[in-house]
Amino acid sequence: MEKIIYIQLLGEGTLVYRPVLSVKVDEDVYQVGGKDIYDPDDEEWEFLPESIVKVEERELEDGKVLVAVEKKEG
């Protein structure tokens, strides 16, 4: 199942997230998508496309969203 998760952008000087369509692997685990939109010359993502990450629900400006918080080895 695909769902939008939010990846933190690093080096922005403030807390900024990129919404990325990703694939659910387990209850709170997703494989980061976004290979088609990722540009390392433009943005530094905390977790790169194809990474497996744990997510948590957080309240952002857009309401409650899933935010990638930890890389899973696997």
PDB file of N, CA and C in Angstrom:
ATOM      1  N   MET A   1       0.838  -1.181   0.000  1.00  0.00           N
ATOM      2  CA  MET A   1       0.000   0.000   0.000  1.00  0.00           C
ATOM      3  C   MET A   1       0.883   1.245   0.000  1.00  0.00           C
ATOM      4  N   GLU A   2       0.581   2.185  -0.867  1.00  0.00           N
ATOM      5  CA  GLU A   2       1.344   3.425  -0.935  1.00  0.00           C
ATOM      6  C   GLU A   2       0.664   4.514  -0.110  1.00  0.00           C
ATOM      7  N   LYS A   3       1.499   5.321   0.529  1.00  0.00           N
ATOM      8  CA  LYS A   3       0.988   6.405   1.362  1.00  0.00           C
ATOM      9  C   LYS A   3       2.047   7.505   1.424  1.00  0.00           C
ATOM     10  N   ILE A   4       1.601   8.727   1.605  1.00  0.00           N
ATOM     11  CA  ILE A   4       2.528   9.848   1.764  1.00  0.00           C
ATOM     12  C   ILE A   4       3.118   9.813   3.176  1.00  0.00           C
ATOM     13  N   ILE A   5       4.450   9.832   3.249  1.00  0.00           N
ATOM     14  CA  ILE A   5       5.129  10.043   4.530  1.00  0.00           C
ATOM     15  C   ILE A   5       5.996  11.286   4.374  1.00  0.00           C
ATOM     16  N   TYR A   6       6.412  11.851   5.478  1.00  0.00           N
ATOM     17  CA  TYR A   6       7.177  13.097   5.453  1.00  0.00           C
ATOM     18  C   TYR A   6       8.618  12.824   5.869  1.00  0.00           C
ATOM     19  N   ILE A   7       9.545  13.315   5.043  1.00  0.00           N
ATOM     20  CA  ILE A   7      10.980  13.168   5.280  1.00  0.00           C
ATOM     21  C   ILE A   7      11.547  14.536   5.629  1.00  0.00           C
ATOM     22  N   GLN A   8      12.297  14.618   6.719  1.00  0.00           N
ATOM     23  CA  GLN A   8      12.895  15.890   7.105  1.00  0.00           C
ATOM     24  C   GLN A   8      14.002  16.269   6.125  1.00  0.00           C
ATOM     25  N   LEU A   9      14.041  17.560   5.774  1.00  0.00           N
ATOM     26  CA  LEU A   9      15.119  18.085   4.948  1.00  0.00           C
ATOM     27  C   LEU A   9      16.175  18.662   5.875  1.00  0.00           C
ATOM     28  N   LEU A  10      17.421  18.323   5.622  1.00  0.00           N
ATOM     29  CA  LEU A  10      18.537  18.768   6.451  1.00  0.00           C
ATOM     30  C   LEU A  10      19.171  20.014   5.848  1.00  0.00           C
ATOM     31  N   GLY A  11      19.805  20.807   6.689  1.00  0.00           N
ATOM     32  CA  GLY A  11      20.551  21.974   6.226  1.00  0.00           C
ATOM     33  C   GLY A  11      19.685  23.118   5.744  1.00  0.00           C
ATOM     34  N   GLU A  12      18.427  23.163   6.165  1.00  0.00           N
ATOM     35  CA  GLU A  12      17.510  24.208   5.704  1.00  0.00           C
ATOM     36  C   GLU A  12      17.463  25.414   6.648  1.00  0.00           C
ATOM     37  N   GLY A  13      18.026  25.278   7.845  1.00  0.00           N
ATOM     38  CA  GLY A  13      18.002  26.376   8.797  1.00  0.00           C
ATOM     39  C   GLY A  13      16.716  26.433   9.625  1.00  0.00           C
ATOM     40  N   THR A  14      15.741  25.653   9.253  1.00  0.00           N
ATOM     41  CA  THR A  14      14.483  25.535   9.986  1.00  0.00           C
ATOM     42  C   THR A  14      13.941  24.132   9.729  1.00  0.00           C
ATOM     43  N   LEU A  15      12.937  23.742  10.488  1.00  0.00           N
ATOM     44  CA  LEU A  15      12.379  22.404  10.342  1.00  0.00           C
ATOM     45  C   LEU A  15      11.471  22.360   9.111  1.00  0.00           C
ATOM     46  N   VAL A  16      11.887  21.582   8.102  1.00  0.00           N
ATOM     47  CA  VAL A  16      11.149  21.479   6.840  1.00  0.00           C
ATOM     48  C   VAL A  16      11.034  20.007   6.476  1.00  0.00           C
ATOM     49  N   TYR A  17       9.873  19.636   5.937  1.00  0.00           N
ATOM     50  CA  TYR A  17       9.636  18.252   5.530  1.00  0.00           C
ATOM     51  C   TYR A  17       9.243  18.180   4.059  1.00  0.00           C
ATOM     52  N   ARG A  18       9.608  17.075   3.416  1.00  0.00           N
ATOM     53  CA  ARG A  18       9.226  16.786   2.032  1.00  0.00           C
ATOM     54  C   ARG A  18       8.224  15.626   2.063  1.00  0.00           C
ATOM     55  N   PRO A  19       6.999  15.829   1.541  1.00  0.00           N
ATOM     56  CA  PRO A  19       6.063  14.706   1.438  1.00  0.00           C
ATOM     57  C   PRO A  19       6.509  13.771   0.312  1.00  0.00           C
ATOM     58  N   VAL A  20       6.556  12.472   0.602  1.00  0.00           N
ATOM     59  CA  VAL A  20       7.068  11.490  -0.367  1.00  0.00           C
ATOM     60  C   VAL A  20       6.135  10.274  -0.388  1.00  0.00           C
ATOM     61  N   LEU A  21       5.674   9.899  -1.564  1.00  0.00           N
ATOM     62  CA  LEU A  21       4.865   8.696  -1.705  1.00  0.00           C
ATOM     63  C   LEU A  21       5.761   7.494  -1.441  1.00  0.00           C
ATOM     64  N   SER A  22       5.376   6.667  -0.470  1.00  0.00           N
ATOM     65  CA  SER A  22       6.208   5.549  -0.020  1.00  0.00           C
ATOM     66  C   SER A  22       5.342   4.297   0.120  1.00  0.00           C
ATOM     67  N   VAL A  23       5.997   3.147   0.281  1.00  0.00           N
ATOM     68  CA  VAL A  23       5.299   1.863   0.330  1.00  0.00           C
ATOM     69  C   VAL A  23       5.339   1.298   1.744  1.00  0.00           C
ATOM     70  N   LYS A  24       4.170   0.937   2.250  1.00  0.00           N
ATOM     71  CA  LYS A  24       4.070   0.351   3.588  1.00  0.00           C
ATOM     72  C   LYS A  24       4.646  -1.054   3.575  1.00  0.00           C
ATOM     73  N   VAL A  25       5.542  -1.330   4.539  1.00  0.00           N
ATOM     74  CA  VAL A  25       6.192  -2.634   4.665  1.00  0.00           C
ATOM     75  C   VAL A  25       5.616  -3.398   5.848  1.00  0.00           C
ATOM     76  N   ASP A  26       5.315  -2.666   6.931  1.00  0.00           N
ATOM     77  CA  ASP A  26       4.803  -3.246   8.158  1.00  0.00           C
ATOM     78  C   ASP A  26       3.964  -2.175   8.854  1.00  0.00           C
ATOM     79  N   GLU A  27       3.519  -2.450  10.073  1.00  0.00           N
ATOM     80  CA  GLU A  27       2.621  -1.549  10.789  1.00  0.00           C
ATOM     81  C   GLU A  27       3.106  -0.097  10.790  1.00  0.00           C
ATOM     82  N   ASP A  28       4.329   0.148  11.202  1.00  0.00           N
ATOM     83  CA  ASP A  28       4.872   1.514  11.251  1.00  0.00           C
ATOM     84  C   ASP A  28       6.189   1.605  10.483  1.00  0.00           C
ATOM     85  N   VAL A  29       6.323   0.800   9.438  1.00  0.00           N
ATOM     86  CA  VAL A  29       7.557   0.744   8.643  1.00  0.00           C
ATOM     87  C   VAL A  29       7.217   0.949   7.168  1.00  0.00           C
ATOM     88  N   TYR A  30       7.987   1.829   6.521  1.00  0.00           N
ATOM     89  CA  TYR A  30       7.778   2.143   5.105  1.00  0.00           C
ATOM     90  C   TYR A  30       9.092   2.114   4.349  1.00  0.00           C
ATOM     91  N   GLN A  31       9.000   1.845   3.045  1.00  0.00           N
ATOM     92  CA  GLN A  31      10.149   2.008   2.159  1.00  0.00           C
ATOM     93  C   GLN A  31       9.953   3.353   1.467  1.00  0.00           C
ATOM     94  N   VAL A  32      10.930   4.225   1.649  1.00  0.00           N
ATOM     95  CA  VAL A  32      10.854   5.578   1.108  1.00  0.00           C
ATOM     96  C   VAL A  32      10.841   5.524  -0.422  1.00  0.00           C
ATOM     97  N   GLY A  33       9.911   6.231  -1.004  1.00  0.00           N
ATOM     98  CA  GLY A  33       9.850   6.383  -2.457  1.00  0.00           C
ATOM     99  C   GLY A  33      10.607   7.647  -2.862  1.00  0.00           C
ATOM    100  N   GLY A  34      10.160   8.265  -3.939  1.00  0.00           N
ATOM    101  CA  GLY A  34      10.696   9.563  -4.326  1.00  0.00           C
ATOM    102  C   GLY A  34      11.911   9.554  -5.217  1.00  0.00           C
ATOM    103  N   LYS A  35      12.288   8.386  -5.766  1.00  0.00           N
ATOM    104  CA  LYS A  35      13.457   8.371  -6.655  1.00  0.00           C
ATOM    105  C   LYS A  35      13.281   9.353  -7.812  1.00  0.00           C
ATOM    106  N   ASP A  36      12.039   9.545  -8.240  1.00  0.00           N
ATOM    107  CA  ASP A  36      11.751  10.421  -9.372  1.00  0.00           C
ATOM    108  C   ASP A  36      11.820  11.906  -9.013  1.00  0.00           C
ATOM    109  N   ILE A  37      11.743  12.251  -7.729  1.00  0.00           N
ATOM    110  CA  ILE A  37      11.768  13.671  -7.337  1.00  0.00           C
ATOM    111  C   ILE A  37      13.015  14.047  -6.547  1.00  0.00           C
ATOM    112  N   TYR A  38      13.798  13.071  -6.129  1.00  0.00           N
ATOM    113  CA  TYR A  38      14.972  13.351  -5.296  1.00  0.00           C
ATOM    114  C   TYR A  38      16.088  13.976  -6.126  1.00  0.00           C
ATOM    115  N   ASP A  39      16.579  15.126  -5.670  1.00  0.00           N
ATOM    116  CA  ASP A  39      17.693  15.815  -6.334  1.00  0.00           C
ATOM    117  C   ASP A  39      18.701  16.220  -5.250  1.00  0.00           C
ATOM    118  N   PRO A  40      19.787  15.449  -5.095  1.00  0.00           N
ATOM    119  CA  PRO A  40      20.746  15.743  -4.024  1.00  0.00           C
ATOM    120  C   PRO A  40      21.444  17.102  -4.186  1.00  0.00           C
ATOM    121  N   ASP A  41      21.378  17.685  -5.367  1.00  0.00           N
ATOM    122  CA  ASP A  41      21.952  19.017  -5.560  1.00  0.00           C
ATOM    123  C   ASP A  41      21.019  20.117  -5.053  1.00  0.00           C
ATOM    124  N   ASP A  42      19.744  19.752  -4.842  1.00  0.00           N
ATOM    125  CA  ASP A  42      18.745  20.730  -4.423  1.00  0.00           C
ATOM    126  C   ASP A  42      18.340  20.577  -2.958  1.00  0.00           C
ATOM    127  N   GLU A  43      18.220  19.319  -2.485  1.00  0.00           N
ATOM    128  CA  GLU A  43      17.766  19.053  -1.120  1.00  0.00           C
ATOM    129  C   GLU A  43      18.572  17.913  -0.509  1.00  0.00           C
ATOM    130  N   GLU A  44      18.760  17.985   0.811  1.00  0.00           N
ATOM    131  CA  GLU A  44      19.396  16.893   1.545  1.00  0.00           C
ATOM    132  C   GLU A  44      18.333  16.232   2.415  1.00  0.00           C
ATOM    133  N   TRP A  45      17.912  15.016   2.007  1.00  0.00           N
ATOM    134  CA  TRP A  45      16.893  14.282   2.750  1.00  0.00           C
ATOM    135  C   TRP A  45      17.533  13.537   3.913  1.00  0.00           C
ATOM    136  N   GLU A  46      16.841  13.502   5.053  1.00  0.00           N
ATOM    137  CA  GLU A  46      17.331  12.730   6.193  1.00  0.00           C
ATOM    138  C   GLU A  46      17.409  11.240   5.840  1.00  0.00           C
ATOM    139  N   PHE A  47      16.445  10.749   5.070  1.00  0.00           N
ATOM    140  CA  PHE A  47      16.421   9.348   4.631  1.00  0.00           C
ATOM    141  C   PHE A  47      16.269   9.316   3.116  1.00  0.00           C
ATOM    142  N   LEU A  48      17.162   8.598   2.446  1.00  0.00           N
ATOM    143  CA  LEU A  48      17.195   8.564   0.986  1.00  0.00           C
ATOM    144  C   LEU A  48      16.124   7.634   0.420  1.00  0.00           C
ATOM    145  N   PRO A  49      15.750   7.847  -0.863  1.00  0.00           N
ATOM    146  CA  PRO A  49      14.819   6.927  -1.514  1.00  0.00           C
ATOM    147  C   PRO A  49      15.300   5.479  -1.371  1.00  0.00           C
ATOM    148  N   GLU A  50      14.352   4.583  -1.188  1.00  0.00           N
ATOM    149  CA  GLU A  50      14.537   3.140  -1.011  1.00  0.00           C
ATOM    150  C   GLU A  50      14.968   2.748   0.398  1.00  0.00           C
ATOM    151  N   SER A  51      15.239   3.734   1.277  1.00  0.00           N
ATOM    152  CA  SER A  51      15.531   3.422   2.681  1.00  0.00           C
ATOM    153  C   SER A  51      14.290   2.827   3.331  1.00  0.00           C
ATOM    154  N   ILE A  52      14.497   1.953   4.309  1.00  0.00           N
ATOM    155  CA  ILE A  52      13.412   1.415   5.124  1.00  0.00           C
ATOM    156  C   ILE A  52      13.406   2.215   6.425  1.00  0.00           C
ATOM    157  N   VAL A  53      12.267   2.827   6.738  1.00  0.00           N
ATOM    158  CA  VAL A  53      12.191   3.719   7.895  1.00  0.00           C
ATOM    159  C   VAL A  53      10.999   3.406   8.782  1.00  0.00           C
ATOM    160  N   LYS A  54      11.164   3.719  10.062  1.00  0.00           N
ATOM    161  CA  LYS A  54      10.060   3.682  11.019  1.00  0.00           C
ATOM    162  C   LYS A  54       9.398   5.056  10.989  1.00  0.00           C
ATOM    163  N   VAL A  55       8.080   5.086  11.071  1.00  0.00           N
ATOM    164  CA  VAL A  55       7.358   6.357  11.072  1.00  0.00           C
ATOM    165  C   VAL A  55       6.584   6.519  12.367  1.00  0.00           C
ATOM    166  N   GLU A  56       6.273   7.771  12.700  1.00  0.00           N
ATOM    167  CA  GLU A  56       5.364   8.081  13.802  1.00  0.00           C
ATOM    168  C   GLU A  56       4.426   9.168  13.338  1.00  0.00           C
ATOM    169  N   GLU A  57       3.240   9.146  13.906  1.00  0.00           N
ATOM    170  CA  GLU A  57       2.269  10.183  13.601  1.00  0.00           C
ATOM    171  C   GLU A  57       2.621  11.441  14.381  1.00  0.00           C
ATOM    172  N   ARG A  58       2.661  12.570  13.664  1.00  0.00           N
ATOM    173  CA  ARG A  58       2.970  13.856  14.297  1.00  0.00           C
ATOM    174  C   ARG A  58       2.014  14.913  13.762  1.00  0.00           C
ATOM    175  N   GLU A  59       1.831  15.941  14.555  1.00  0.00           N
ATOM    176  CA  GLU A  59       0.990  17.063  14.167  1.00  0.00           C
ATOM    177  C   GLU A  59       1.874  18.120  13.508  1.00  0.00           C
ATOM    178  N   LEU A  60       1.650  18.354  12.210  1.00  0.00           N
ATOM    179  CA  LEU A  60       2.353  19.406  11.469  1.00  0.00           C
ATOM    180  C   LEU A  60       1.321  20.403  10.971  1.00  0.00           C
ATOM    181  N   GLU A  61       1.756  21.378  10.197  1.00  0.00           N
ATOM    182  CA  GLU A  61       0.834  22.376   9.651  1.00  0.00           C
ATOM    183  C   GLU A  61      -0.286  21.731   8.846  1.00  0.00           C
ATOM    184  N   ASP A  62       0.011  20.603   8.181  1.00  0.00           N
ATOM    185  CA  ASP A  62      -0.976  19.923   7.338  1.00  0.00           C
ATOM    186  C   ASP A  62      -1.901  19.016   8.147  1.00  0.00           C
ATOM    187  N   GLY A  63      -1.778  19.031   9.473  1.00  0.00           N
ATOM    188  CA  GLY A  63      -2.554  18.135  10.325  1.00  0.00           C
ATOM    189  C   GLY A  63      -1.703  16.961  10.763  1.00  0.00           C
ATOM    190  N   LYS A  64      -2.346  15.861  11.123  1.00  0.00           N
ATOM    191  CA  LYS A  64      -1.608  14.673  11.564  1.00  0.00           C
ATOM    192  C   LYS A  64      -1.070  13.944  10.343  1.00  0.00           C
ATOM    193  N   VAL A  65       0.236  13.713  10.338  1.00  0.00           N
ATOM    194  CA  VAL A  65       0.904  13.052   9.215  1.00  0.00           C
ATOM    195  C   VAL A  65       1.884  12.026   9.750  1.00  0.00           C
ATOM    196  N   LEU A  66       2.346  11.140   8.869  1.00  0.00           N
ATOM    197  CA  LEU A  66       3.374  10.162   9.227  1.00  0.00           C
ATOM    198  C   LEU A  66       4.740  10.742   8.884  1.00  0.00           C
ATOM    199  N   VAL A  67       5.623  10.788   9.887  1.00  0.00           N
ATOM    200  CA  VAL A  67       6.962  11.347   9.722  1.00  0.00           C
ATOM    201  C   VAL A  67       7.988  10.234   9.926  1.00  0.00           C
ATOM    202  N   ALA A  68       8.929  10.122   9.001  1.00  0.00           N
ATOM    203  CA  ALA A  68      10.022   9.151   9.145  1.00  0.00           C
ATOM    204  C   ALA A  68      10.929   9.605  10.280  1.00  0.00           C
ATOM    205  N   VAL A  69      11.197   8.687  11.225  1.00  0.00           N
ATOM    206  CA  VAL A  69      11.960   9.073  12.409  1.00  0.00           C
ATOM    207  C   VAL A  69      13.223   8.243  12.627  1.00  0.00           C
ATOM    208  N   GLU A  70      13.315   7.097  11.956  1.00  0.00           N
ATOM    209  CA  GLU A  70      14.453   6.202  12.230  1.00  0.00           C
ATOM    210  C   GLU A  70      14.658   5.255  11.051  1.00  0.00           C
ATOM    211  N   LYS A  71      15.913   5.081  10.675  1.00  0.00           N
ATOM    212  CA  LYS A  71      16.233   4.119   9.617  1.00  0.00           C
ATOM    213  C   LYS A  71      16.269   2.712  10.205  1.00  0.00           C
ATOM    214  N   LYS A  72      15.630   1.785   9.495  1.00  0.00           N
ATOM    215  CA  LYS A  72      15.620   0.390   9.920  1.00  0.00           C
ATOM    216  C   LYS A  72      16.651  -0.360   9.086  1.00  0.00           C
ATOM    217  N   GLU A  73      17.391  -1.215   9.733  1.00  0.00           N
ATOM    218  CA  GLU A  73      18.332  -2.061   8.993  1.00  0.00           C
ATOM    219  C   GLU A  73      17.572  -3.267   8.485  1.00  0.00           C
ATOM    220  N   GLY A  74      17.876  -3.688   7.299  1.00  0.00           N
ATOM    221  CA  GLY A  74      17.134  -4.840   6.895  1.00  0.00           C
ATOM    222  C   GLY A  74      17.293  -5.202   5.486  1.00  0.00           C
TER     223      GLY A  74
END
